[in-house]
Amino acid sequence: TTPDESMEGQQLYLLDFCFKPEELKYLISKGSTITVIDHHKNA
């Protein structure tokens, strides 16, 4: 799963999942606010 246009400028909750750092930065640059609730250590 990768970001798409529907996620831009939205309030996002990433549950049991997280995008890569560069993908998170991209979404933030497009106006999204993001809450990550994950447990996968590396991510």
PDB file of all heavy atoms in Angstrom:
ATOM      1  N   THR A   1       0.827  -1.203   0.000  1.00  0.00           N
ATOM      2  CA  THR A   1       0.000   0.000   0.000  1.00  0.00           C
ATOM      3  C   THR A   1       0.861   1.253   0.000  1.00  0.00           C
ATOM      4  O   THR A   1       1.793   1.381   0.805  1.00  0.00           O
ATOM      5  CB  THR A   1      -0.926   0.025   1.222  1.00  0.00           C
ATOM      6  OG1 THR A   1      -1.679  -1.187   1.260  1.00  0.00           O
ATOM      7  CG2 THR A   1      -1.866   1.219   1.169  1.00  0.00           C
ATOM      8  N   THR A   2       0.571   2.168  -0.891  1.00  0.00           N
ATOM      9  CA  THR A   2       1.272   3.444  -0.975  1.00  0.00           C
ATOM     10  C   THR A   2       0.240   4.571  -0.955  1.00  0.00           C
ATOM     11  O   THR A   2      -0.938   4.352  -1.249  1.00  0.00           O
ATOM     12  CB  THR A   2       2.109   3.545  -2.266  1.00  0.00           C
ATOM     13  OG1 THR A   2       1.248   3.335  -3.400  1.00  0.00           O
ATOM     14  CG2 THR A   2       3.221   2.496  -2.271  1.00  0.00           C
ATOM     15  N   PRO A   3       0.654   5.787  -0.613  1.00  0.00           N
ATOM     16  CA  PRO A   3      -0.300   6.902  -0.562  1.00  0.00           C
ATOM     17  C   PRO A   3      -0.922   7.175  -1.926  1.00  0.00           C
ATOM     18  O   PRO A   3      -0.291   6.971  -2.962  1.00  0.00           O
ATOM     19  CB  PRO A   3       0.570   8.080  -0.107  1.00  0.00           C
ATOM     20  CG  PRO A   3       1.753   7.470   0.552  1.00  0.00           C
ATOM     21  CD  PRO A   3       2.003   6.198  -0.175  1.00  0.00           C
ATOM     22  N   ASP A   4      -2.165   7.651  -1.913  1.00  0.00           N
ATOM     23  CA  ASP A   4      -2.791   8.089  -3.162  1.00  0.00           C
ATOM     24  C   ASP A   4      -3.432   9.452  -2.933  1.00  0.00           C
ATOM     25  O   ASP A   4      -3.448   9.976  -1.812  1.00  0.00           O
ATOM     26  CB  ASP A   4      -3.797   7.065  -3.683  1.00  0.00           C
ATOM     27  CG  ASP A   4      -4.916   6.786  -2.689  1.00  0.00           C
ATOM     28  OD1 ASP A   4      -5.432   7.746  -2.081  1.00  0.00           O
ATOM     29  OD2 ASP A   4      -5.278   5.610  -2.517  1.00  0.00           O
ATOM     30  N   GLU A   5      -3.968  10.027  -3.981  1.00  0.00           N
ATOM     31  CA  GLU A   5      -4.483  11.392  -3.914  1.00  0.00           C
ATOM     32  C   GLU A   5      -5.617  11.550  -2.899  1.00  0.00           C
ATOM     33  O   GLU A   5      -5.795  12.634  -2.326  1.00  0.00           O
ATOM     34  CB  GLU A   5      -4.967  11.823  -5.297  1.00  0.00           C
ATOM     35  CG  GLU A   5      -3.843  12.013  -6.316  1.00  0.00           C
ATOM     36  CD  GLU A   5      -4.366  12.510  -7.654  1.00  0.00           C
ATOM     37  OE1 GLU A   5      -5.611  12.648  -7.789  1.00  0.00           O
ATOM     38  OE2 GLU A   5      -3.542  12.746  -8.554  1.00  0.00           O
ATOM     39  N   SER A   6      -6.376  10.484  -2.676  1.00  0.00           N
ATOM     40  CA  SER A   6      -7.496  10.578  -1.742  1.00  0.00           C
ATOM     41  C   SER A   6      -7.043  10.831  -0.306  1.00  0.00           C
ATOM     42  O   SER A   6      -7.842  11.252   0.538  1.00  0.00           O
ATOM     43  CB  SER A   6      -8.337   9.296  -1.791  1.00  0.00           C
ATOM     44  OG  SER A   6      -7.620   8.195  -1.243  1.00  0.00           O
ATOM     45  N   MET A   7      -5.768  10.569  -0.025  1.00  0.00           N
ATOM     46  CA  MET A   7      -5.238  10.745   1.330  1.00  0.00           C
ATOM     47  C   MET A   7      -4.641  12.134   1.554  1.00  0.00           C
ATOM     48  O   MET A   7      -4.321  12.492   2.684  1.00  0.00           O
ATOM     49  CB  MET A   7      -4.164   9.684   1.601  1.00  0.00           C
ATOM     50  CG  MET A   7      -4.645   8.259   1.471  1.00  0.00           C
ATOM     51  SD  MET A   7      -3.305   7.064   1.713  1.00  0.00           S
ATOM     52  CE  MET A   7      -4.111   5.540   1.269  1.00  0.00           C
ATOM     53  N   GLU A   8      -4.518  12.899   0.492  1.00  0.00           N
ATOM     54  CA  GLU A   8      -3.888  14.217   0.603  1.00  0.00           C
ATOM     55  C   GLU A   8      -4.830  15.207   1.277  1.00  0.00           C
ATOM     56  O   GLU A   8      -6.012  15.273   0.980  1.00  0.00           O
ATOM     57  CB  GLU A   8      -3.489  14.722  -0.787  1.00  0.00           C
ATOM     58  CG  GLU A   8      -2.432  13.855  -1.455  1.00  0.00           C
ATOM     59  CD  GLU A   8      -2.096  14.312  -2.868  1.00  0.00           C
ATOM     60  OE1 GLU A   8      -2.619  15.362  -3.294  1.00  0.00           O
ATOM     61  OE2 GLU A   8      -1.316  13.613  -3.546  1.00  0.00           O
ATOM     62  N   GLY A   9      -4.272  15.970   2.229  1.00  0.00           N
ATOM     63  CA  GLY A   9      -5.055  16.981   2.916  1.00  0.00           C
ATOM     64  C   GLY A   9      -6.083  16.428   3.885  1.00  0.00           C
ATOM     65  O   GLY A   9      -7.028  17.122   4.265  1.00  0.00           O
ATOM     66  N   GLN A  10      -5.911  15.185   4.317  1.00  0.00           N
ATOM     67  CA  GLN A  10      -6.880  14.524   5.183  1.00  0.00           C
ATOM     68  C   GLN A  10      -6.320  14.288   6.581  1.00  0.00           C
ATOM     69  O   GLN A  10      -5.117  14.340   6.808  1.00  0.00           O
ATOM     70  CB  GLN A  10      -7.287  13.179   4.576  1.00  0.00           C
ATOM     71  CG  GLN A  10      -7.874  13.262   3.178  1.00  0.00           C
ATOM     72  CD  GLN A  10      -9.176  14.016   3.135  1.00  0.00           C
ATOM     73  OE1 GLN A  10     -10.017  13.876   4.029  1.00  0.00           O
ATOM     74  NE2 GLN A  10      -9.366  14.833   2.099  1.00  0.00           N
ATOM     75  N   GLN A  11      -7.234  14.026   7.525  1.00  0.00           N
ATOM     76  CA  GLN A  11      -6.844  13.533   8.840  1.00  0.00           C
ATOM     77  C   GLN A  11      -6.741  12.015   8.724  1.00  0.00           C
ATOM     78  O   GLN A  11      -7.752  11.334   8.497  1.00  0.00           O
ATOM     79  CB  GLN A  11      -7.872  13.900   9.899  1.00  0.00           C
ATOM     80  CG  GLN A  11      -7.631  13.259  11.264  1.00  0.00           C
ATOM     81  CD  GLN A  11      -6.355  13.740  11.923  1.00  0.00           C
ATOM     82  OE1 GLN A  11      -6.182  14.923  12.148  1.00  0.00           O
ATOM     83  NE2 GLN A  11      -5.450  12.817  12.216  1.00  0.00           N
ATOM     84  N   LEU A  12      -5.531  11.477   8.819  1.00  0.00           N
ATOM     85  CA  LEU A  12      -5.300  10.053   8.597  1.00  0.00           C
ATOM     86  C   LEU A  12      -4.954   9.357   9.907  1.00  0.00           C
ATOM     87  O   LEU A  12      -4.171   9.875  10.717  1.00  0.00           O
ATOM     88  CB  LEU A  12      -4.151   9.849   7.599  1.00  0.00           C
ATOM     89  CG  LEU A  12      -4.292  10.510   6.228  1.00  0.00           C
ATOM     90  CD1 LEU A  12      -3.028  10.261   5.403  1.00  0.00           C
ATOM     91  CD2 LEU A  12      -5.516   9.972   5.491  1.00  0.00           C
ATOM     92  N   TYR A  13      -5.510   8.172  10.090  1.00  0.00           N
ATOM     93  CA  TYR A  13      -5.153   7.289  11.195  1.00  0.00           C
ATOM     94  C   TYR A  13      -4.608   6.010  10.583  1.00  0.00           C
ATOM     95  O   TYR A  13      -5.342   5.286   9.898  1.00  0.00           O
ATOM     96  CB  TYR A  13      -6.367   6.981  12.073  1.00  0.00           C
ATOM     97  CG  TYR A  13      -6.906   8.184  12.815  1.00  0.00           C
ATOM     98  CD1 TYR A  13      -7.827   9.033  12.219  1.00  0.00           C
ATOM     99  CD2 TYR A  13      -6.473   8.470  14.112  1.00  0.00           C
ATOM    100  CE1 TYR A  13      -8.320  10.146  12.888  1.00  0.00           C
ATOM    101  CE2 TYR A  13      -6.960   9.580  14.792  1.00  0.00           C
ATOM    102  CZ  TYR A  13      -7.876  10.411  14.178  1.00  0.00           C
ATOM    103  OH  TYR A  13      -8.356  11.517  14.841  1.00  0.00           O
ATOM    104  N   LEU A  14      -3.332   5.744  10.789  1.00  0.00           N
ATOM    105  CA  LEU A  14      -2.703   4.529  10.269  1.00  0.00           C
ATOM    106  C   LEU A  14      -2.715   3.489  11.382  1.00  0.00           C
ATOM    107  O   LEU A  14      -1.985   3.614  12.372  1.00  0.00           O
ATOM    108  CB  LEU A  14      -1.281   4.822   9.799  1.00  0.00           C
ATOM    109  CG  LEU A  14      -1.130   5.969   8.784  1.00  0.00           C
ATOM    110  CD1 LEU A  14       0.317   6.074   8.311  1.00  0.00           C
ATOM    111  CD2 LEU A  14      -2.068   5.779   7.592  1.00  0.00           C
ATOM    112  N   LEU A  15      -3.541   2.479  11.230  1.00  0.00           N
ATOM    113  CA  LEU A  15      -3.804   1.508  12.289  1.00  0.00           C
ATOM    114  C   LEU A  15      -3.144   0.178  11.981  1.00  0.00           C
ATOM    115  O   LEU A  15      -3.437  -0.441  10.961  1.00  0.00           O
ATOM    116  CB  LEU A  15      -5.321   1.313  12.445  1.00  0.00           C
ATOM    117  CG  LEU A  15      -6.142   2.606  12.587  1.00  0.00           C
ATOM    118  CD1 LEU A  15      -7.631   2.279  12.600  1.00  0.00           C
ATOM    119  CD2 LEU A  15      -5.745   3.378  13.829  1.00  0.00           C
ATOM    120  N   ASP A  16      -2.245  -0.249  12.881  1.00  0.00           N
ATOM    121  CA  ASP A  16      -1.511  -1.502  12.695  1.00  0.00           C
ATOM    122  C   ASP A  16      -0.732  -1.467  11.379  1.00  0.00           C
ATOM    123  O   ASP A  16      -0.543  -2.496  10.724  1.00  0.00           O
ATOM    124  CB  ASP A  16      -2.467  -2.693  12.715  1.00  0.00           C
ATOM    125  CG  ASP A  16      -1.779  -3.988  13.143  1.00  0.00           C
ATOM    126  OD1 ASP A  16      -0.590  -3.934  13.521  1.00  0.00           O
ATOM    127  OD2 ASP A  16      -2.421  -5.051  13.084  1.00  0.00           O
ATOM    128  N   PHE A  17      -0.275  -0.293  11.009  1.00  0.00           N
ATOM    129  CA  PHE A  17       0.376  -0.070   9.712  1.00  0.00           C
ATOM    130  C   PHE A  17       1.042   1.294   9.756  1.00  0.00           C
ATOM    131  O   PHE A  17       0.618   2.187  10.490  1.00  0.00           O
ATOM    132  CB  PHE A  17      -0.661  -0.106   8.586  1.00  0.00           C
ATOM    133  CG  PHE A  17      -0.127   0.297   7.234  1.00  0.00           C
ATOM    134  CD1 PHE A  17       0.532  -0.630   6.444  1.00  0.00           C
ATOM    135  CD2 PHE A  17      -0.267   1.597   6.759  1.00  0.00           C
ATOM    136  CE1 PHE A  17       1.037  -0.261   5.204  1.00  0.00           C
ATOM    137  CE2 PHE A  17       0.219   1.971   5.532  1.00  0.00           C
ATOM    138  CZ  PHE A  17       0.880   1.028   4.746  1.00  0.00           C
ATOM    139  N   CYS A  18       2.082   1.450   8.934  1.00  0.00           N
ATOM    140  CA  CYS A  18       2.703   2.767   8.806  1.00  0.00           C
ATOM    141  C   CYS A  18       3.358   2.882   7.435  1.00  0.00           C
ATOM    142  O   CYS A  18       3.942   1.916   6.934  1.00  0.00           O
ATOM    143  CB  CYS A  18       3.754   2.980   9.898  1.00  0.00           C
ATOM    144  SG  CYS A  18       4.413   4.665   9.926  1.00  0.00           S
ATOM    145  N   PHE A  19       3.244   4.045   6.831  1.00  0.00           N
ATOM    146  CA  PHE A  19       3.941   4.294   5.580  1.00  0.00           C
ATOM    147  C   PHE A  19       5.431   4.492   5.835  1.00  0.00           C
ATOM    148  O   PHE A  19       5.860   4.733   6.968  1.00  0.00           O
ATOM    149  CB  PHE A  19       3.384   5.549   4.891  1.00  0.00           C
ATOM    150  CG  PHE A  19       2.035   5.363   4.266  1.00  0.00           C
ATOM    151  CD1 PHE A  19       0.962   6.153   4.650  1.00  0.00           C
ATOM    152  CD2 PHE A  19       1.834   4.402   3.287  1.00  0.00           C
ATOM    153  CE1 PHE A  19      -0.290   5.999   4.072  1.00  0.00           C
ATOM    154  CE2 PHE A  19       0.589   4.231   2.696  1.00  0.00           C
ATOM    155  CZ  PHE A  19      -0.474   5.034   3.094  1.00  0.00           C
ATOM    156  N   LYS A  20       6.211   4.423   4.773  1.00  0.00           N
ATOM    157  CA  LYS A  20       7.635   4.716   4.865  1.00  0.00           C
ATOM    158  C   LYS A  20       7.830   6.195   5.194  1.00  0.00           C
ATOM    159  O   LYS A  20       6.961   7.025   4.898  1.00  0.00           O
ATOM    160  CB  LYS A  20       8.320   4.390   3.537  1.00  0.00           C
ATOM    161  CG  LYS A  20       8.270   2.921   3.148  1.00  0.00           C
ATOM    162  CD  LYS A  20       8.886   2.705   1.775  1.00  0.00           C
ATOM    163  CE  LYS A  20       8.800   1.246   1.358  1.00  0.00           C
ATOM    164  NZ  LYS A  20       9.349   1.015  -0.003  1.00  0.00           N
ATOM    165  N   PRO A  21       8.974   6.560   5.799  1.00  0.00           N
ATOM    166  CA  PRO A  21       9.202   7.961   6.161  1.00  0.00           C
ATOM    167  C   PRO A  21       9.010   8.934   5.005  1.00  0.00           C
ATOM    168  O   PRO A  21       8.384   9.990   5.174  1.00  0.00           O
ATOM    169  CB  PRO A  21      10.651   7.957   6.658  1.00  0.00           C
ATOM    170  CG  PRO A  21      10.847   6.593   7.209  1.00  0.00           C
ATOM    171  CD  PRO A  21      10.063   5.691   6.300  1.00  0.00           C
ATOM    172  N   GLU A  22       9.523   8.590   3.826  1.00  0.00           N
ATOM    173  CA  GLU A  22       9.381   9.502   2.692  1.00  0.00           C
ATOM    174  C   GLU A  22       7.917   9.657   2.273  1.00  0.00           C
ATOM    175  O   GLU A  22       7.503  10.735   1.793  1.00  0.00           O
ATOM    176  CB  GLU A  22      10.223   9.036   1.503  1.00  0.00           C
ATOM    177  CG  GLU A  22       9.896   7.664   0.960  1.00  0.00           C
ATOM    178  CD  GLU A  22      10.713   6.541   1.588  1.00  0.00           C
ATOM    179  OE1 GLU A  22      11.173   6.723   2.740  1.00  0.00           O
ATOM    180  OE2 GLU A  22      10.880   5.495   0.933  1.00  0.00           O
ATOM    181  N   GLU A  23       7.119   8.608   2.473  1.00  0.00           N
ATOM    182  CA  GLU A  23       5.699   8.683   2.136  1.00  0.00           C
ATOM    183  C   GLU A  23       4.940   9.520   3.165  1.00  0.00           C
ATOM    184  O   GLU A  23       4.024  10.282   2.813  1.00  0.00           O
ATOM    185  CB  GLU A  23       5.115   7.272   2.035  1.00  0.00           C
ATOM    186  CG  GLU A  23       5.707   6.466   0.874  1.00  0.00           C
ATOM    187  CD  GLU A  23       5.319   5.006   0.899  1.00  0.00           C
ATOM    188  OE1 GLU A  23       5.035   4.470   1.990  1.00  0.00           O
ATOM    189  OE2 GLU A  23       5.310   4.378  -0.176  1.00  0.00           O
ATOM    190  N   LEU A  24       5.329   9.381   4.423  1.00  0.00           N
ATOM    191  CA  LEU A  24       4.726  10.221   5.467  1.00  0.00           C
ATOM    192  C   LEU A  24       5.038  11.695   5.208  1.00  0.00           C
ATOM    193  O   LEU A  24       4.149  12.555   5.320  1.00  0.00           O
ATOM    194  CB  LEU A  24       5.252   9.799   6.844  1.00  0.00           C
ATOM    195  CG  LEU A  24       4.854   8.407   7.336  1.00  0.00           C
ATOM    196  CD1 LEU A  24       5.627   8.063   8.596  1.00  0.00           C
ATOM    197  CD2 LEU A  24       3.355   8.330   7.607  1.00  0.00           C
ATOM    198  N   LYS A  25       6.287  11.981   4.870  1.00  0.00           N
ATOM    199  CA  LYS A  25       6.689  13.374   4.591  1.00  0.00           C
ATOM    200  C   LYS A  25       5.913  13.929   3.400  1.00  0.00           C
ATOM    201  O   LYS A  25       5.514  15.102   3.407  1.00  0.00           O
ATOM    202  CB  LYS A  25       8.186  13.435   4.332  1.00  0.00           C
ATOM    203  CG  LYS A  25       9.049  13.151   5.553  1.00  0.00           C
ATOM    204  CD  LYS A  25      10.534  13.171   5.205  1.00  0.00           C
ATOM    205  CE  LYS A  25      11.395  12.854   6.403  1.00  0.00           C
ATOM    206  NZ  LYS A  25      12.849  12.828   6.057  1.00  0.00           N
ATOM    207  N   TYR A  26       5.698  13.097   2.389  1.00  0.00           N
ATOM    208  CA  TYR A  26       4.945  13.531   1.219  1.00  0.00           C
ATOM    209  C   TYR A  26       3.515  13.909   1.613  1.00  0.00           C
ATOM    210  O   TYR A  26       3.005  14.966   1.212  1.00  0.00           O
ATOM    211  CB  TYR A  26       4.914  12.428   0.162  1.00  0.00           C
ATOM    212  CG  TYR A  26       3.951  12.704  -0.972  1.00  0.00           C
ATOM    213  CD1 TYR A  26       4.281  13.568  -2.009  1.00  0.00           C
ATOM    214  CD2 TYR A  26       2.678  12.112  -0.978  1.00  0.00           C
ATOM    215  CE1 TYR A  26       3.381  13.841  -3.032  1.00  0.00           C
ATOM    216  CE2 TYR A  26       1.779  12.376  -1.994  1.00  0.00           C
ATOM    217  CZ  TYR A  26       2.133  13.241  -3.022  1.00  0.00           C
ATOM    218  OH  TYR A  26       1.236  13.518  -4.017  1.00  0.00           O
ATOM    219  N   LEU A  27       2.850  13.063   2.389  1.00  0.00           N
ATOM    220  CA  LEU A  27       1.480  13.336   2.798  1.00  0.00           C
ATOM    221  C   LEU A  27       1.398  14.597   3.655  1.00  0.00           C
ATOM    222  O   LEU A  27       0.467  15.397   3.516  1.00  0.00           O
ATOM    223  CB  LEU A  27       0.909  12.137   3.550  1.00  0.00           C
ATOM    224  CG  LEU A  27       0.594  10.905   2.698  1.00  0.00           C
ATOM    225  CD1 LEU A  27       0.315   9.701   3.573  1.00  0.00           C
ATOM    226  CD2 LEU A  27      -0.599  11.181   1.777  1.00  0.00           C
ATOM    227  N   ILE A  28       2.374  14.766   4.539  1.00  0.00           N
ATOM    228  CA  ILE A  28       2.400  15.979   5.367  1.00  0.00           C
ATOM    229  C   ILE A  28       2.565  17.214   4.496  1.00  0.00           C
ATOM    230  O   ILE A  28       1.916  18.248   4.715  1.00  0.00           O
ATOM    231  CB  ILE A  28       3.541  15.884   6.405  1.00  0.00           C
ATOM    232  CG1 ILE A  28       3.205  14.809   7.451  1.00  0.00           C
ATOM    233  CG2 ILE A  28       3.777  17.235   7.078  1.00  0.00           C
ATOM    234  CD1 ILE A  28       4.345  14.469   8.384  1.00  0.00           C
ATOM    235  N   SER A  29       3.401  17.114   3.473  1.00  0.00           N
ATOM    236  CA  SER A  29       3.610  18.249   2.564  1.00  0.00           C
ATOM    237  C   SER A  29       2.343  18.598   1.796  1.00  0.00           C
ATOM    238  O   SER A  29       2.195  19.727   1.302  1.00  0.00           O
ATOM    239  CB  SER A  29       4.746  17.946   1.580  1.00  0.00           C
ATOM    240  OG  SER A  29       4.332  17.021   0.575  1.00  0.00           O
ATOM    241  N   LYS A  30       1.429  17.635   1.681  1.00  0.00           N
ATOM    242  CA  LYS A  30       0.167  17.854   0.976  1.00  0.00           C
ATOM    243  C   LYS A  30      -0.959  18.254   1.932  1.00  0.00           C
ATOM    244  O   LYS A  30      -2.125  18.289   1.542  1.00  0.00           O
ATOM    245  CB  LYS A  30      -0.238  16.596   0.207  1.00  0.00           C
ATOM    246  CG  LYS A  30       0.705  16.232  -0.934  1.00  0.00           C
ATOM    247  CD  LYS A  30       0.726  17.315  -2.017  1.00  0.00           C
ATOM    248  CE  LYS A  30       1.606  16.922  -3.179  1.00  0.00           C
ATOM    249  NZ  LYS A  30       1.590  17.967  -4.254  1.00  0.00           N
ATOM    250  N   GLY A  31      -0.595  18.534   3.182  1.00  0.00           N
ATOM    251  CA  GLY A  31      -1.576  19.043   4.131  1.00  0.00           C
ATOM    252  C   GLY A  31      -2.238  18.015   5.021  1.00  0.00           C
ATOM    253  O   GLY A  31      -3.175  18.346   5.757  1.00  0.00           O
ATOM    254  N   SER A  32      -1.789  16.776   4.966  1.00  0.00           N
ATOM    255  CA  SER A  32      -2.386  15.739   5.807  1.00  0.00           C
ATOM    256  C   SER A  32      -1.841  15.816   7.226  1.00  0.00           C
ATOM    257  O   SER A  32      -0.674  16.156   7.444  1.00  0.00           O
ATOM    258  CB  SER A  32      -2.101  14.352   5.229  1.00  0.00           C
ATOM    259  OG  SER A  32      -2.656  14.206   3.946  1.00  0.00           O
ATOM    260  N   THR A  33      -2.676  15.493   8.192  1.00  0.00           N
ATOM    261  CA  THR A  33      -2.221  15.277   9.561  1.00  0.00           C
ATOM    262  C   THR A  33      -2.378  13.790   9.838  1.00  0.00           C
ATOM    263  O   THR A  33      -3.391  13.181   9.470  1.00  0.00           O
ATOM    264  CB  THR A  33      -3.030  16.096  10.569  1.00  0.00           C
ATOM    265  OG1 THR A  33      -4.419  15.804  10.418  1.00  0.00           O
ATOM    266  CG2 THR A  33      -2.802  17.589  10.353  1.00  0.00           C
ATOM    267  N   ILE A  34      -1.393  13.203  10.484  1.00  0.00           N
ATOM    268  CA  ILE A  34      -1.315  11.741  10.547  1.00  0.00           C
ATOM    269  C   ILE A  34      -1.112  11.269  11.986  1.00  0.00           C
ATOM    270  O   ILE A  34      -0.219  11.757  12.688  1.00  0.00           O
ATOM    271  CB  ILE A  34      -0.144  11.224   9.681  1.00  0.00           C
ATOM    272  CG1 ILE A  34      -0.263  11.758   8.249  1.00  0.00           C
ATOM    273  CG2 ILE A  34      -0.117   9.697   9.683  1.00  0.00           C
ATOM    274  CD1 ILE A  34       0.976  11.501   7.398  1.00  0.00           C
ATOM    275  N   THR A  35      -1.930  10.326  12.398  1.00  0.00           N
ATOM    276  CA  THR A  35      -1.753   9.630  13.669  1.00  0.00           C
ATOM    277  C   THR A  35      -1.418   8.180  13.363  1.00  0.00           C
ATOM    278  O   THR A  35      -2.197   7.490  12.706  1.00  0.00           O
ATOM    279  CB  THR A  35      -3.024   9.693  14.537  1.00  0.00           C
ATOM    280  OG1 THR A  35      -3.323  11.055  14.834  1.00  0.00           O
ATOM    281  CG2 THR A  35      -2.826   8.920  15.838  1.00  0.00           C
ATOM    282  N   VAL A  36      -0.263   7.732  13.804  1.00  0.00           N
ATOM    283  CA  VAL A  36       0.168   6.356  13.574  1.00  0.00           C
ATOM    284  C   VAL A  36      -0.045   5.556  14.858  1.00  0.00           C
ATOM    285  O   VAL A  36       0.445   5.934  15.922  1.00  0.00           O
ATOM    286  CB  VAL A  36       1.650   6.285  13.160  1.00  0.00           C
ATOM    287  CG1 VAL A  36       2.096   4.826  12.996  1.00  0.00           C
ATOM    288  CG2 VAL A  36       1.875   7.049  11.859  1.00  0.00           C
ATOM    289  N   ILE A  37      -0.777   4.454  14.752  1.00  0.00           N
ATOM    290  CA  ILE A  37      -0.976   3.541  15.886  1.00  0.00           C
ATOM    291  C   ILE A  37      -0.532   2.167  15.411  1.00  0.00           C
ATOM    292  O   ILE A  37      -1.320   1.373  14.898  1.00  0.00           O
ATOM    293  CB  ILE A  37      -2.438   3.545  16.355  1.00  0.00           C
ATOM    294  CG1 ILE A  37      -2.911   4.978  16.626  1.00  0.00           C
ATOM    295  CG2 ILE A  37      -2.586   2.688  17.617  1.00  0.00           C
ATOM    296  CD1 ILE A  37      -4.358   5.076  17.073  1.00  0.00           C
ATOM    297  N   ASP A  38       0.745   1.889  15.572  1.00  0.00           N
ATOM    298  CA  ASP A  38       1.350   0.684  15.016  1.00  0.00           C
ATOM    299  C   ASP A  38       2.235   0.033  16.073  1.00  0.00           C
ATOM    300  O   ASP A  38       2.545   0.633  17.111  1.00  0.00           O
ATOM    301  CB  ASP A  38       2.182   1.065  13.779  1.00  0.00           C
ATOM    302  CG  ASP A  38       2.570  -0.149  12.936  1.00  0.00           C
ATOM    303  OD1 ASP A  38       1.962  -1.223  13.121  1.00  0.00           O
ATOM    304  OD2 ASP A  38       3.471  -0.019  12.097  1.00  0.00           O
ATOM    305  N   HIS A  39       2.650  -1.199  15.816  1.00  0.00           N
ATOM    306  CA  HIS A  39       3.525  -1.896  16.751  1.00  0.00           C
ATOM    307  C   HIS A  39       4.736  -2.538  16.067  1.00  0.00           C
ATOM    308  O   HIS A  39       5.576  -3.133  16.745  1.00  0.00           O
ATOM    309  CB  HIS A  39       2.750  -2.976  17.514  1.00  0.00           C
ATOM    310  CG  HIS A  39       2.392  -4.163  16.682  1.00  0.00           C
ATOM    311  ND1 HIS A  39       3.147  -5.312  16.656  1.00  0.00           N
ATOM    312  CD2 HIS A  39       1.361  -4.377  15.835  1.00  0.00           C
ATOM    313  CE1 HIS A  39       2.590  -6.180  15.835  1.00  0.00           C
ATOM    314  NE2 HIS A  39       1.503  -5.642  15.315  1.00  0.00           N
ATOM    315  N   HIS A  40       4.824  -2.436  14.744  1.00  0.00           N
ATOM    316  CA  HIS A  40       5.934  -3.051  14.011  1.00  0.00           C
ATOM    317  C   HIS A  40       7.210  -2.238  14.250  1.00  0.00           C
ATOM    318  O   HIS A  40       7.281  -1.060  13.889  1.00  0.00           O
ATOM    319  CB  HIS A  40       5.599  -3.135  12.525  1.00  0.00           C
ATOM    320  CG  HIS A  40       4.399  -3.988  12.252  1.00  0.00           C
ATOM    321  ND1 HIS A  40       3.121  -3.461  12.157  1.00  0.00           N
ATOM    322  CD2 HIS A  40       4.269  -5.331  12.073  1.00  0.00           C
ATOM    323  CE1 HIS A  40       2.262  -4.443  11.928  1.00  0.00           C
ATOM    324  NE2 HIS A  40       2.924  -5.585  11.867  1.00  0.00           N
ATOM    325  N   LYS A  41       8.192  -2.859  14.870  1.00  0.00           N
ATOM    326  CA  LYS A  41       9.330  -2.135  15.439  1.00  0.00           C
ATOM    327  C   LYS A  41      10.088  -1.287  14.425  1.00  0.00           C
ATOM    328  O   LYS A  41      10.361  -0.110  14.664  1.00  0.00           O
ATOM    329  CB  LYS A  41      10.288  -3.124  16.123  1.00  0.00           C
ATOM    330  CG  LYS A  41       9.707  -3.773  17.372  1.00  0.00           C
ATOM    331  CD  LYS A  41      10.708  -4.685  18.056  1.00  0.00           C
ATOM    332  CE  LYS A  41      10.112  -5.292  19.316  1.00  0.00           C
ATOM    333  NZ  LYS A  41      11.068  -6.194  20.017  1.00  0.00           N
ATOM    334  N   ASN A  42      10.457  -1.873  13.302  1.00  0.00           N
ATOM    335  CA  ASN A  42      11.247  -1.128  12.325  1.00  0.00           C
ATOM    336  C   ASN A  42      10.469   0.060  11.755  1.00  0.00           C
ATOM    337  O   ASN A  42      11.020   1.158  11.580  1.00  0.00           O
ATOM    338  CB  ASN A  42      11.716  -2.043  11.197  1.00  0.00           C
ATOM    339  CG  ASN A  42      12.740  -3.057  11.661  1.00  0.00           C
ATOM    340  OD1 ASN A  42      13.378  -2.888  12.700  1.00  0.00           O
ATOM    341  ND2 ASN A  42      12.918  -4.129  10.910  1.00  0.00           N
ATOM    342  N   ALA A  43       9.197  -0.175  11.463  1.00  0.00           N
ATOM    343  CA  ALA A  43       8.377   0.890  10.892  1.00  0.00           C
ATOM    344  C   ALA A  43       8.172   2.022  11.890  1.00  0.00           C
ATOM    345  O   ALA A  43       8.240   3.208  11.534  1.00  0.00           O
ATOM    346  CB  ALA A  43       7.029   0.329  10.444  1.00  0.00           C
TER     347      ALA A  43
END
